[in-house]
Amino acid sequence: MKYIITILAALAIGAGSAWAGCNKKVSSIGKLKSWDAESKMITLVVRQSSSAKQLEAKSAELTMTPDSTIVHAGQVDSVNIADVVGKNISVVSEHGKIDYVITLADKS
């Protein structure tokens, strides 16, 4: 009986973790190459990234969502993404969906 309860408990714990998200955030830094308003996608020329795929490809196509936040000069959502094309940005994303776009200061 102990073995059956132990097995059922182990299965219950394993099944619960299957519903959890992977929670893998990718952080990338680069220049915003383009913004497609129709598809809500940005193309980023990647200089640094926590994703080996993005580093190898040297670019990333990511999608803006209604929950995406743009931070510019310390102000949240004070700028339109189209105004940032050609500028250096940092992007935090998960599964190709953007969480945050942070504009970076130009090097002096």
N, C-alpha and C. Protein backbone atom coordinates (compact mmCIF):
# COMPACT_ATOMS: atom_id res chain seq x y z
N MET A 1 0.82 -1.19 0.00
CA MET A 1 0.00 0.00 0.00
C MET A 1 0.87 1.26 0.00
N LYS A 2 1.99 1.24 0.74
CA LYS A 2 2.89 2.38 0.77
C LYS A 2 3.42 2.67 -0.63
N TYR A 3 3.73 1.64 -1.38
CA TYR A 3 4.28 1.81 -2.72
C TYR A 3 3.26 2.47 -3.65
N ILE A 4 2.03 2.07 -3.53
CA ILE A 4 0.99 2.63 -4.39
C ILE A 4 0.79 4.12 -4.07
N ILE A 5 0.76 4.47 -2.79
CA ILE A 5 0.60 5.88 -2.41
C ILE A 5 1.80 6.70 -2.87
N THR A 6 3.01 6.14 -2.74
CA THR A 6 4.22 6.83 -3.17
C THR A 6 4.21 7.07 -4.68
N ILE A 7 3.81 6.06 -5.43
CA ILE A 7 3.75 6.19 -6.89
C ILE A 7 2.70 7.23 -7.29
N LEU A 8 1.54 7.20 -6.65
CA LEU A 8 0.49 8.17 -6.96
C LEU A 8 0.92 9.60 -6.61
N ALA A 9 1.63 9.75 -5.51
CA ALA A 9 2.13 11.07 -5.12
C ALA A 9 3.16 11.58 -6.14
N ALA A 10 4.05 10.70 -6.58
CA ALA A 10 5.06 11.09 -7.57
C ALA A 10 4.40 11.47 -8.90
N LEU A 11 3.39 10.73 -9.31
CA LEU A 11 2.67 11.05 -10.54
C LEU A 11 1.94 12.39 -10.42
N ALA A 12 1.36 12.65 -9.26
CA ALA A 12 0.65 13.91 -9.06
C ALA A 12 1.60 15.10 -9.13
N ILE A 13 2.79 14.97 -8.55
CA ILE A 13 3.77 16.04 -8.58
C ILE A 13 4.27 16.24 -10.02
N GLY A 14 4.54 15.16 -10.72
CA GLY A 14 5.00 15.24 -12.12
C GLY A 14 3.95 15.84 -13.02
N ALA A 15 2.70 15.49 -12.81
CA ALA A 15 1.62 16.03 -13.65
C ALA A 15 1.43 17.51 -13.39
N GLY A 16 1.59 17.94 -12.17
CA GLY A 16 1.46 19.37 -11.85
C GLY A 16 2.52 20.21 -12.50
N SER A 17 3.75 19.70 -12.57
CA SER A 17 4.82 20.47 -13.18
C SER A 17 4.68 20.53 -14.70
N ALA A 18 3.95 19.60 -15.29
CA ALA A 18 3.74 19.62 -16.73
C ALA A 18 2.91 20.82 -17.15
N TRP A 19 2.09 21.36 -16.27
CA TRP A 19 1.25 22.50 -16.59
C TRP A 19 1.99 23.82 -16.42
N ALA A 20 3.13 23.79 -15.77
CA ALA A 20 3.88 25.03 -15.54
C ALA A 20 4.54 25.49 -16.83
N GLY A 21 4.65 26.80 -17.01
CA GLY A 21 5.33 27.34 -18.19
C GLY A 21 6.83 27.22 -18.03
N CYS A 22 7.55 27.34 -19.13
CA CYS A 22 9.01 27.20 -19.07
C CYS A 22 9.66 28.44 -18.46
N ASN A 23 9.01 29.59 -18.61
CA ASN A 23 9.50 30.84 -18.02
C ASN A 23 10.93 31.16 -18.45
N LYS A 24 11.23 30.92 -19.73
CA LYS A 24 12.55 31.22 -20.25
C LYS A 24 12.52 32.58 -20.94
N LYS A 25 13.09 33.56 -20.31
CA LYS A 25 13.18 34.91 -20.86
C LYS A 25 14.48 35.04 -21.64
N VAL A 26 14.41 35.71 -22.77
CA VAL A 26 15.59 35.96 -23.59
C VAL A 26 15.85 37.47 -23.57
N SER A 27 17.07 37.82 -23.28
CA SER A 27 17.48 39.22 -23.25
C SER A 27 18.40 39.47 -24.43
N SER A 28 18.07 40.49 -25.23
CA SER A 28 18.86 40.79 -26.43
C SER A 28 19.14 42.29 -26.51
N ILE A 29 20.30 42.62 -27.05
CA ILE A 29 20.69 44.01 -27.27
C ILE A 29 21.10 44.15 -28.72
N GLY A 30 20.61 45.21 -29.36
CA GLY A 30 20.98 45.44 -30.75
C GLY A 30 20.31 46.68 -31.29
N LYS A 31 20.33 46.79 -32.61
CA LYS A 31 19.73 47.94 -33.30
C LYS A 31 18.43 47.49 -33.93
N LEU A 32 17.38 48.30 -33.72
CA LEU A 32 16.07 48.00 -34.31
C LEU A 32 16.14 48.31 -35.80
N LYS A 33 16.10 47.25 -36.61
CA LYS A 33 16.23 47.39 -38.06
C LYS A 33 14.92 47.83 -38.70
N SER A 34 13.82 47.19 -38.29
CA SER A 34 12.54 47.54 -38.90
C SER A 34 11.37 47.21 -37.99
N TRP A 35 10.24 47.85 -38.30
CA TRP A 35 8.99 47.65 -37.59
C TRP A 35 7.89 47.49 -38.63
N ASP A 36 7.16 46.38 -38.57
CA ASP A 36 6.04 46.15 -39.47
C ASP A 36 4.75 46.31 -38.66
N ALA A 37 4.05 47.42 -38.87
CA ALA A 37 2.85 47.72 -38.09
C ALA A 37 1.73 46.73 -38.36
N GLU A 38 1.66 46.20 -39.57
CA GLU A 38 0.58 45.27 -39.92
C GLU A 38 0.70 43.96 -39.16
N SER A 39 1.90 43.39 -39.13
CA SER A 39 2.09 42.10 -38.44
C SER A 39 2.56 42.28 -37.00
N LYS A 40 2.85 43.54 -36.60
CA LYS A 40 3.31 43.87 -35.24
C LYS A 40 4.66 43.21 -34.93
N MET A 41 5.50 43.06 -35.96
CA MET A 41 6.80 42.42 -35.77
C MET A 41 7.93 43.42 -35.91
N ILE A 42 8.97 43.22 -35.08
CA ILE A 42 10.19 44.00 -35.20
C ILE A 42 11.30 43.08 -35.68
N THR A 43 12.26 43.66 -36.36
CA THR A 43 13.47 42.93 -36.72
C THR A 43 14.63 43.61 -36.01
N LEU A 44 15.35 42.84 -35.23
CA LEU A 44 16.44 43.35 -34.41
C LEU A 44 17.76 42.78 -34.92
N VAL A 45 18.74 43.66 -35.19
CA VAL A 45 20.09 43.23 -35.52
C VAL A 45 20.78 43.01 -34.18
N VAL A 46 21.06 41.76 -33.84
CA VAL A 46 21.50 41.37 -32.50
C VAL A 46 23.01 41.52 -32.36
N ARG A 47 23.42 42.23 -31.29
CA ARG A 47 24.83 42.32 -30.91
C ARG A 47 25.14 41.40 -29.74
N GLN A 48 24.23 41.37 -28.75
CA GLN A 48 24.38 40.50 -27.58
C GLN A 48 23.03 39.86 -27.31
N SER A 49 23.07 38.59 -26.86
CA SER A 49 21.83 37.92 -26.55
C SER A 49 22.09 36.73 -25.64
N SER A 50 21.09 36.37 -24.85
CA SER A 50 21.18 35.17 -24.03
C SER A 50 20.72 33.95 -24.82
N SER A 51 20.33 34.15 -26.09
CA SER A 51 19.90 33.06 -26.96
C SER A 51 20.99 32.75 -27.98
N ALA A 52 21.44 31.52 -28.00
CA ALA A 52 22.47 31.11 -28.96
C ALA A 52 21.95 31.20 -30.39
N LYS A 53 20.68 30.92 -30.59
CA LYS A 53 20.09 31.01 -31.94
C LYS A 53 20.15 32.43 -32.48
N GLN A 54 19.81 33.40 -31.64
CA GLN A 54 19.84 34.78 -32.07
C GLN A 54 21.27 35.24 -32.36
N LEU A 55 22.22 34.82 -31.54
CA LEU A 55 23.61 35.21 -31.76
C LEU A 55 24.14 34.63 -33.06
N GLU A 56 23.78 33.39 -33.34
CA GLU A 56 24.23 32.73 -34.56
C GLU A 56 23.63 33.40 -35.79
N ALA A 57 22.33 33.71 -35.73
CA ALA A 57 21.64 34.34 -36.85
C ALA A 57 21.95 35.82 -36.97
N LYS A 58 22.42 36.43 -35.89
CA LYS A 58 22.72 37.87 -35.82
C LYS A 58 21.49 38.74 -36.03
N SER A 59 20.32 38.14 -35.92
CA SER A 59 19.08 38.91 -36.02
C SER A 59 17.96 38.14 -35.32
N ALA A 60 16.88 38.87 -35.06
CA ALA A 60 15.72 38.24 -34.42
C ALA A 60 14.47 38.94 -34.89
N GLU A 61 13.45 38.16 -35.16
CA GLU A 61 12.13 38.71 -35.47
C GLU A 61 11.23 38.41 -34.29
N LEU A 62 10.74 39.46 -33.67
CA LEU A 62 9.95 39.34 -32.45
C LEU A 62 8.62 40.06 -32.64
N THR A 63 7.61 39.61 -31.91
CA THR A 63 6.26 40.16 -32.06
C THR A 63 5.86 41.00 -30.86
N MET A 64 5.35 42.19 -31.15
CA MET A 64 4.78 43.04 -30.10
C MET A 64 3.40 42.50 -29.75
N THR A 65 3.04 42.56 -28.48
CA THR A 65 1.72 42.14 -28.02
C THR A 65 1.08 43.31 -27.28
N PRO A 66 -0.20 43.21 -26.97
CA PRO A 66 -0.82 44.29 -26.18
C PRO A 66 -0.18 44.47 -24.81
N ASP A 67 0.49 43.44 -24.30
CA ASP A 67 1.14 43.52 -23.00
C ASP A 67 2.58 44.02 -23.08
N SER A 68 3.11 44.22 -24.29
CA SER A 68 4.48 44.70 -24.45
C SER A 68 4.61 46.12 -23.91
N THR A 69 5.71 46.38 -23.22
CA THR A 69 5.96 47.69 -22.62
C THR A 69 7.20 48.30 -23.25
N ILE A 70 7.10 49.58 -23.60
CA ILE A 70 8.24 50.31 -24.15
C ILE A 70 8.70 51.32 -23.10
N VAL A 71 9.99 51.28 -22.77
CA VAL A 71 10.57 52.20 -21.78
C VAL A 71 11.57 53.09 -22.52
N HIS A 72 11.33 54.39 -22.48
CA HIS A 72 12.19 55.37 -23.15
C HIS A 72 12.50 56.49 -22.17
N ALA A 73 13.77 56.69 -21.91
CA ALA A 73 14.23 57.76 -21.01
C ALA A 73 13.52 57.71 -19.66
N GLY A 74 13.32 56.51 -19.16
CA GLY A 74 12.71 56.33 -17.85
C GLY A 74 11.21 56.43 -17.84
N GLN A 75 10.61 56.77 -18.98
CA GLN A 75 9.15 56.90 -19.08
C GLN A 75 8.57 55.66 -19.74
N VAL A 76 7.56 55.08 -19.15
CA VAL A 76 6.94 53.87 -19.69
C VAL A 76 5.93 54.27 -20.76
N ASP A 77 6.02 53.60 -21.91
CA ASP A 77 5.12 53.82 -23.04
C ASP A 77 5.02 55.28 -23.47
N SER A 78 6.14 56.02 -23.38
CA SER A 78 6.12 57.43 -23.77
C SER A 78 6.52 57.62 -25.22
N VAL A 79 6.84 56.53 -25.92
CA VAL A 79 7.28 56.64 -27.31
C VAL A 79 6.65 55.50 -28.12
N ASN A 80 6.44 55.76 -29.39
CA ASN A 80 5.93 54.75 -30.30
C ASN A 80 7.10 53.93 -30.82
N ILE A 81 6.90 52.64 -31.03
CA ILE A 81 7.99 51.77 -31.49
C ILE A 81 8.52 52.22 -32.85
N ALA A 82 7.69 52.80 -33.68
CA ALA A 82 8.13 53.28 -35.00
C ALA A 82 9.16 54.40 -34.87
N ASP A 83 9.12 55.14 -33.78
CA ASP A 83 10.06 56.24 -33.56
C ASP A 83 11.44 55.74 -33.14
N VAL A 84 11.56 54.47 -32.85
CA VAL A 84 12.81 53.91 -32.33
C VAL A 84 13.60 53.16 -33.41
N VAL A 85 13.05 53.05 -34.62
CA VAL A 85 13.74 52.34 -35.70
C VAL A 85 15.08 53.01 -35.96
N GLY A 86 16.13 52.19 -36.04
CA GLY A 86 17.49 52.68 -36.25
C GLY A 86 18.24 52.97 -34.97
N LYS A 87 17.59 52.84 -33.84
CA LYS A 87 18.21 53.13 -32.54
C LYS A 87 18.61 51.82 -31.84
N ASN A 88 19.49 51.94 -30.85
CA ASN A 88 19.90 50.80 -30.04
C ASN A 88 18.85 50.54 -28.97
N ILE A 89 18.47 49.27 -28.84
CA ILE A 89 17.46 48.89 -27.86
C ILE A 89 17.87 47.59 -27.16
N SER A 90 17.24 47.37 -26.04
CA SER A 90 17.33 46.10 -25.33
C SER A 90 15.93 45.51 -25.30
N VAL A 91 15.82 44.22 -25.58
CA VAL A 91 14.51 43.57 -25.65
C VAL A 91 14.51 42.36 -24.73
N VAL A 92 13.46 42.23 -23.94
CA VAL A 92 13.23 41.04 -23.13
C VAL A 92 12.01 40.35 -23.73
N SER A 93 12.18 39.07 -24.11
CA SER A 93 11.09 38.37 -24.77
C SER A 93 11.01 36.93 -24.26
N GLU A 94 9.89 36.31 -24.59
CA GLU A 94 9.67 34.91 -24.24
C GLU A 94 8.91 34.27 -25.39
N HIS A 95 9.49 33.23 -25.99
CA HIS A 95 8.87 32.52 -27.12
C HIS A 95 8.54 33.46 -28.27
N GLY A 96 9.41 34.44 -28.54
CA GLY A 96 9.23 35.35 -29.65
C GLY A 96 8.25 36.48 -29.40
N LYS A 97 7.68 36.55 -28.22
CA LYS A 97 6.75 37.62 -27.85
C LYS A 97 7.47 38.60 -26.93
N ILE A 98 7.37 39.88 -27.24
CA ILE A 98 8.12 40.91 -26.51
C ILE A 98 7.42 41.25 -25.20
N ASP A 99 8.21 41.25 -24.13
CA ASP A 99 7.73 41.74 -22.83
C ASP A 99 8.09 43.21 -22.68
N TYR A 100 9.37 43.53 -22.91
CA TYR A 100 9.86 44.90 -22.73
C TYR A 100 10.77 45.30 -23.88
N VAL A 101 10.64 46.55 -24.31
CA VAL A 101 11.60 47.19 -25.23
C VAL A 101 12.13 48.39 -24.45
N ILE A 102 13.45 48.45 -24.29
CA ILE A 102 14.08 49.52 -23.53
C ILE A 102 15.04 50.23 -24.47
N THR A 103 14.82 51.53 -24.67
CA THR A 103 15.74 52.29 -25.53
C THR A 103 17.04 52.54 -24.79
N LEU A 104 18.14 52.49 -25.50
CA LEU A 104 19.45 52.68 -24.90
C LEU A 104 20.04 54.00 -25.37
N ALA A 105 20.84 54.60 -24.53
CA ALA A 105 21.50 55.86 -24.88
C ALA A 105 22.56 55.59 -25.95
N ASP A 106 22.68 56.52 -26.88
CA ASP A 106 23.72 56.41 -27.90
C ASP A 106 25.08 56.64 -27.28
N LYS A 107 26.10 55.96 -27.82
CA LYS A 107 27.46 56.15 -27.31
C LYS A 107 27.95 57.53 -27.70
N SER A 108 28.63 58.17 -26.77
CA SER A 108 29.16 59.52 -27.05
C SER A 108 30.59 59.45 -27.47
